[in-house]
PDB file of all heavy atoms in Angstrom:
ATOM      1  N   ALA A   1      89.844  98.219 113.545  1.00  0.00           N
ATOM      2  CA  ALA A   1      89.573  98.150 112.089  1.00  0.00           C
ATOM      3  C   ALA A   1      90.812  97.652 111.328  1.00  0.00           C
ATOM      4  O   ALA A   1      90.684  96.798 110.436  1.00  0.00           O
ATOM      5  CB  ALA A   1      89.148  99.514 111.560  1.00  0.00           C
ATOM      6  N   PHE A   2      91.991  98.153 111.681  1.00  0.00           N
ATOM      7  CA  PHE A   2      93.243  97.678 111.077  1.00  0.00           C
ATOM      8  C   PHE A   2      93.357  96.139 111.282  1.00  0.00           C
ATOM      9  O   PHE A   2      93.607  95.396 110.362  1.00  0.00           O
ATOM     10  CB  PHE A   2      94.469  98.340 111.711  1.00  0.00           C
ATOM     11  CG  PHE A   2      94.881  99.635 111.091  1.00  0.00           C
ATOM     12  CD1 PHE A   2      95.071 100.771 111.889  1.00  0.00           C
ATOM     13  CD2 PHE A   2      95.073  99.749 109.742  1.00  0.00           C
ATOM     14  CE1 PHE A   2      95.433 101.996 111.329  1.00  0.00           C
ATOM     15  CE2 PHE A   2      95.453 100.951 109.170  1.00  0.00           C
ATOM     16  CZ  PHE A   2      95.619 102.089 109.971  1.00  0.00           C
ATOM     17  N   LEU A   3      93.127  95.753 112.541  1.00  0.00           N
ATOM     18  CA  LEU A   3      93.270  94.332 112.908  1.00  0.00           C
ATOM     19  C   LEU A   3      92.245  93.480 112.141  1.00  0.00           C
ATOM     20  O   LEU A   3      92.584  92.462 111.556  1.00  0.00           O
ATOM     21  CB  LEU A   3      93.059  94.193 114.436  1.00  0.00           C
ATOM     22  CG  LEU A   3      92.963  92.761 114.955  1.00  0.00           C
ATOM     23  CD1 LEU A   3      94.334  92.061 114.848  1.00  0.00           C
ATOM     24  CD2 LEU A   3      92.488  92.732 116.397  1.00  0.00           C
ATOM     25  N   PHE A   4      91.032  93.973 112.168  1.00  0.00           N
ATOM     26  CA  PHE A   4      89.916  93.246 111.623  1.00  0.00           C
ATOM     27  C   PHE A   4      90.095  93.020 110.127  1.00  0.00           C
ATOM     28  O   PHE A   4      89.966  91.870 109.668  1.00  0.00           O
ATOM     29  CB  PHE A   4      88.695  94.146 111.884  1.00  0.00           C
ATOM     30  CG  PHE A   4      87.392  93.429 111.771  1.00  0.00           C
ATOM     31  CD1 PHE A   4      86.965  92.664 112.841  1.00  0.00           C
ATOM     32  CD2 PHE A   4      86.654  93.453 110.606  1.00  0.00           C
ATOM     33  CE1 PHE A   4      85.775  91.973 112.742  1.00  0.00           C
ATOM     34  CE2 PHE A   4      85.503  92.766 110.495  1.00  0.00           C
ATOM     35  CZ  PHE A   4      85.043  92.014 111.567  1.00  0.00           C
ATOM     36  N   VAL A   5      90.356  94.079 109.427  1.00  0.00           N
ATOM     37  CA  VAL A   5      90.509  93.987 107.974  1.00  0.00           C
ATOM     38  C   VAL A   5      91.705  93.106 107.638  1.00  0.00           C
ATOM     39  O   VAL A   5      91.651  92.258 106.737  1.00  0.00           O
ATOM     40  CB  VAL A   5      90.656  95.402 107.345  1.00  0.00           C
ATOM     41  CG1 VAL A   5      90.935  95.282 105.841  1.00  0.00           C
ATOM     42  CG2 VAL A   5      89.384  96.225 107.566  1.00  0.00           C
ATOM     43  N   ASP A   6      92.783  93.271 108.396  1.00  0.00           N
ATOM     44  CA  ASP A   6      93.974  92.483 108.158  1.00  0.00           C
ATOM     45  C   ASP A   6      93.724  90.966 108.360  1.00  0.00           C
ATOM     46  O   ASP A   6      94.107  90.121 107.555  1.00  0.00           O
ATOM     47  CB  ASP A   6      95.120  92.972 109.108  1.00  0.00           C
ATOM     48  CG  ASP A   6      96.483  92.499 108.615  1.00  0.00           C
ATOM     49  OD1 ASP A   6      96.602  92.180 107.421  1.00  0.00           O
ATOM     50  OD2 ASP A   6      97.430  92.428 109.413  1.00  0.00           O
ATOM     51  N   VAL A   7      93.030  90.653 109.468  1.00  0.00           N
ATOM     52  CA  VAL A   7      92.744  89.235 109.771  1.00  0.00           C
ATOM     53  C   VAL A   7      91.939  88.599 108.643  1.00  0.00           C
ATOM     54  O   VAL A   7      92.253  87.507 108.160  1.00  0.00           O
ATOM     55  CB  VAL A   7      91.987  89.094 111.121  1.00  0.00           C
ATOM     56  CG1 VAL A   7      91.425  87.692 111.261  1.00  0.00           C
ATOM     57  CG2 VAL A   7      92.943  89.378 112.278  1.00  0.00           C
ATOM     58  N   PHE A   8      90.884  89.306 108.182  1.00  0.00           N
ATOM     59  CA  PHE A   8      90.031  88.738 107.155  1.00  0.00           C
ATOM     60  C   PHE A   8      90.699  88.743 105.779  1.00  0.00           C
ATOM     61  O   PHE A   8      90.528  87.800 105.016  1.00  0.00           O
ATOM     62  CB  PHE A   8      88.723  89.489 107.082  1.00  0.00           C
ATOM     63  CG  PHE A   8      87.860  89.140 108.243  1.00  0.00           C
ATOM     64  CD1 PHE A   8      87.578  90.060 109.238  1.00  0.00           C
ATOM     65  CD2 PHE A   8      87.339  87.867 108.387  1.00  0.00           C
ATOM     66  CE1 PHE A   8      86.852  89.716 110.352  1.00  0.00           C
ATOM     67  CE2 PHE A   8      86.615  87.516 109.497  1.00  0.00           C
ATOM     68  CZ  PHE A   8      86.358  88.448 110.481  1.00  0.00           C
ATOM     69  N   ASP A   9      91.408  89.833 105.524  1.00  0.00           N
ATOM     70  CA  ASP A   9      92.143  89.925 104.263  1.00  0.00           C
ATOM     71  C   ASP A   9      93.092  88.758 104.107  1.00  0.00           C
ATOM     72  O   ASP A   9      93.097  88.030 103.098  1.00  0.00           O
ATOM     73  CB  ASP A   9      92.980  91.225 104.330  1.00  0.00           C
ATOM     74  CG  ASP A   9      92.772  92.076 103.095  1.00  0.00           C
ATOM     75  OD1 ASP A   9      91.782  91.812 102.403  1.00  0.00           O
ATOM     76  OD2 ASP A   9      93.572  92.971 102.810  1.00  0.00           O
ATOM     77  N   ASN A  10      93.847  88.562 105.156  1.00  0.00           N
ATOM     78  CA  ASN A  10      94.851  87.498 105.175  1.00  0.00           C
ATOM     79  C   ASN A  10      94.223  86.128 105.056  1.00  0.00           C
ATOM     80  O   ASN A  10      94.654  85.282 104.295  1.00  0.00           O
ATOM     81  CB  ASN A  10      95.679  87.530 106.457  1.00  0.00           C
ATOM     82  CG  ASN A  10      96.783  88.520 106.346  1.00  0.00           C
ATOM     83  OD1 ASN A  10      97.444  88.562 105.326  1.00  0.00           O
ATOM     84  ND2 ASN A  10      97.005  89.328 107.336  1.00  0.00           N
ATOM     85  N   THR A  11      93.257  85.919 105.909  1.00  0.00           N
ATOM     86  CA  THR A  11      92.620  84.593 105.955  1.00  0.00           C
ATOM     87  C   THR A  11      92.000  84.269 104.597  1.00  0.00           C
ATOM     88  O   THR A  11      92.194  83.175 104.073  1.00  0.00           O
ATOM     89  CB  THR A  11      91.560  84.538 107.070  1.00  0.00           C
ATOM     90  OG1 THR A  11      92.120  85.031 108.263  1.00  0.00           O
ATOM     91  CG2 THR A  11      91.055  83.146 107.295  1.00  0.00           C
ATOM     92  N   GLY A  12      91.269  85.240 104.048  1.00  0.00           N
ATOM     93  CA  GLY A  12      90.630  85.028 102.743  1.00  0.00           C
ATOM     94  C   GLY A  12      91.635  84.751 101.652  1.00  0.00           C
ATOM     95  O   GLY A  12      91.458  83.818 100.873  1.00  0.00           O
ATOM     96  N   THR A  13      92.723  85.521 101.633  1.00  0.00           N
ATOM     97  CA  THR A  13      93.757  85.326 100.605  1.00  0.00           C
ATOM     98  C   THR A  13      94.431  83.969 100.782  1.00  0.00           C
ATOM     99  O   THR A  13      94.597  83.261  99.779  1.00  0.00           O
ATOM    100  CB  THR A  13      94.808  86.475 100.720  1.00  0.00           C
ATOM    101  OG1 THR A  13      94.156  87.710 100.548  1.00  0.00           O
ATOM    102  CG2 THR A  13      95.889  86.306  99.688  1.00  0.00           C
ATOM    103  N   LEU A  14      94.792  83.643 102.000  1.00  0.00           N
ATOM    104  CA  LEU A  14      95.441  82.360 102.248  1.00  0.00           C
ATOM    105  C   LEU A  14      94.570  81.181 101.832  1.00  0.00           C
ATOM    106  O   LEU A  14      95.015  80.244 101.182  1.00  0.00           O
ATOM    107  CB  LEU A  14      95.832  82.229 103.727  1.00  0.00           C
ATOM    108  CG  LEU A  14      97.018  83.106 104.169  1.00  0.00           C
ATOM    109  CD1 LEU A  14      97.045  83.225 105.677  1.00  0.00           C
ATOM    110  CD2 LEU A  14      98.322  82.559 103.655  1.00  0.00           C
ATOM    111  N   LEU A  15      93.301  81.265 102.181  1.00  0.00           N
ATOM    112  CA  LEU A  15      92.376  80.169 101.810  1.00  0.00           C
ATOM    113  C   LEU A  15      92.248  80.052 100.299  1.00  0.00           C
ATOM    114  O   LEU A  15      92.337  78.971  99.717  1.00  0.00           O
ATOM    115  CB  LEU A  15      90.985  80.420 102.428  1.00  0.00           C
ATOM    116  CG  LEU A  15      90.886  80.217 103.950  1.00  0.00           C
ATOM    117  CD1 LEU A  15      89.548  80.715 104.486  1.00  0.00           C
ATOM    118  CD2 LEU A  15      91.089  78.768 104.321  1.00  0.00           C
ATOM    119  N   GLY A  16      92.080  81.209  99.655  1.00  0.00           N
ATOM    120  CA  GLY A  16      91.875  81.233  98.195  1.00  0.00           C
ATOM    121  C   GLY A  16      93.101  80.756  97.429  1.00  0.00           C
ATOM    122  O   GLY A  16      93.011  79.880  96.539  1.00  0.00           O
ATOM    123  N   VAL A  17      94.269  81.291  97.773  1.00  0.00           N
ATOM    124  CA  VAL A  17      95.486  80.975  97.024  1.00  0.00           C
ATOM    125  C   VAL A  17      95.960  79.536  97.271  1.00  0.00           C
ATOM    126  O   VAL A  17      96.347  78.844  96.354  1.00  0.00           O
ATOM    127  CB  VAL A  17      96.614  81.999  97.334  1.00  0.00           C
ATOM    128  CG1 VAL A  17      97.905  81.629  96.616  1.00  0.00           C
ATOM    129  CG2 VAL A  17      96.155  83.408  96.895  1.00  0.00           C
ATOM    130  N   THR A  18      95.933  79.109  98.550  1.00  0.00           N
ATOM    131  CA  THR A  18      96.361  77.732  98.846  1.00  0.00           C
ATOM    132  C   THR A  18      95.446  76.684  98.206  1.00  0.00           C
ATOM    133  O   THR A  18      95.892  75.650  97.759  1.00  0.00           O
ATOM    134  CB  THR A  18      96.459  77.473 100.383  1.00  0.00           C
ATOM    135  OG1 THR A  18      95.242  77.940 100.973  1.00  0.00           O
ATOM    136  CG2 THR A  18      97.626  78.182 100.993  1.00  0.00           C
ATOM    137  N   LYS A  19      94.180  77.014  98.154  1.00  0.00           N
ATOM    138  CA  LYS A  19      93.204  76.106  97.484  1.00  0.00           C
ATOM    139  C   LYS A  19      93.567  75.989  95.994  1.00  0.00           C
ATOM    140  O   LYS A  19      93.588  74.885  95.447  1.00  0.00           O
ATOM    141  CB  LYS A  19      91.781  76.673  97.642  1.00  0.00           C
ATOM    142  CG  LYS A  19      90.668  75.689  97.239  1.00  0.00           C
ATOM    143  CD  LYS A  19      89.310  76.329  97.507  1.00  0.00           C
ATOM    144  CE  LYS A  19      88.212  75.443  96.913  1.00  0.00           C
ATOM    145  NZ  LYS A  19      86.911  76.111  97.035  1.00  0.00           N
ATOM    146  N   ARG A  20      93.862  77.117  95.400  1.00  0.00           N
ATOM    147  CA  ARG A  20      94.237  77.142  93.987  1.00  0.00           C
ATOM    148  C   ARG A  20      95.545  76.377  93.732  1.00  0.00           C
ATOM    149  O   ARG A  20      95.722  75.742  92.685  1.00  0.00           O
ATOM    150  CB  ARG A  20      94.396  78.586  93.537  1.00  0.00           C
ATOM    151  CG  ARG A  20      94.389  78.743  92.033  1.00  0.00           C
ATOM    152  CD  ARG A  20      93.989  80.124  91.654  1.00  0.00           C
ATOM    153  NE  ARG A  20      94.117  80.369  90.236  1.00  0.00           N
ATOM    154  CZ  ARG A  20      93.790  81.506  89.694  1.00  0.00           C
ATOM    155  NH1 ARG A  20      93.264  82.471  90.386  1.00  0.00           N
ATOM    156  NH2 ARG A  20      93.944  81.684  88.400  1.00  0.00           N
ATOM    157  N   ALA A  21      96.454  76.432  94.696  1.00  0.00           N
ATOM    158  CA  ALA A  21      97.738  75.769  94.555  1.00  0.00           C
ATOM    159  C   ALA A  21      97.676  74.301  94.915  1.00  0.00           C
ATOM    160  O   ALA A  21      98.676  73.579  94.801  1.00  0.00           O
ATOM    161  CB  ALA A  21      98.775  76.472  95.424  1.00  0.00           C
ATOM    162  N   GLY A  22      96.518  73.855  95.358  1.00  0.00           N
ATOM    163  CA  GLY A  22      96.348  72.448  95.754  1.00  0.00           C
ATOM    164  C   GLY A  22      97.024  72.120  97.088  1.00  0.00           C
ATOM    165  O   GLY A  22      97.380  70.990  97.347  1.00  0.00           O
ATOM    166  N   LEU A  23      97.194  73.135  97.927  1.00  0.00           N
ATOM    167  CA  LEU A  23      97.856  72.933  99.215  1.00  0.00           C
ATOM    168  C   LEU A  23      96.883  72.743 100.365  1.00  0.00           C
ATOM    169  O   LEU A  23      97.256  72.378 101.470  1.00  0.00           O
ATOM    170  CB  LEU A  23      98.788  74.130  99.536  1.00  0.00           C
ATOM    171  CG  LEU A  23      99.926  74.415  98.519  1.00  0.00           C
ATOM    172  CD1 LEU A  23     100.572  75.767  98.774  1.00  0.00           C
ATOM    173  CD2 LEU A  23     100.961  73.299  98.531  1.00  0.00           C
ATOM    174  N   ALA A  24      95.602  73.008 100.090  1.00  0.00           N
ATOM    175  CA  ALA A  24      94.571  72.849 101.132  1.00  0.00           C
ATOM    176  C   ALA A  24      94.061  71.420 101.137  1.00  0.00           C
ATOM    177  O   ALA A  24      94.136  70.721 100.132  1.00  0.00           O
ATOM    178  CB  ALA A  24      93.419  73.851 100.880  1.00  0.00           C
TER     179      ALA A  24
END
């Protein structure tokens, strides 16, 4: 559960923030 939530949390945040920053 720790791993799972962390993987998705991170992935989701990275995708969202980098998209907003124009880095994707």
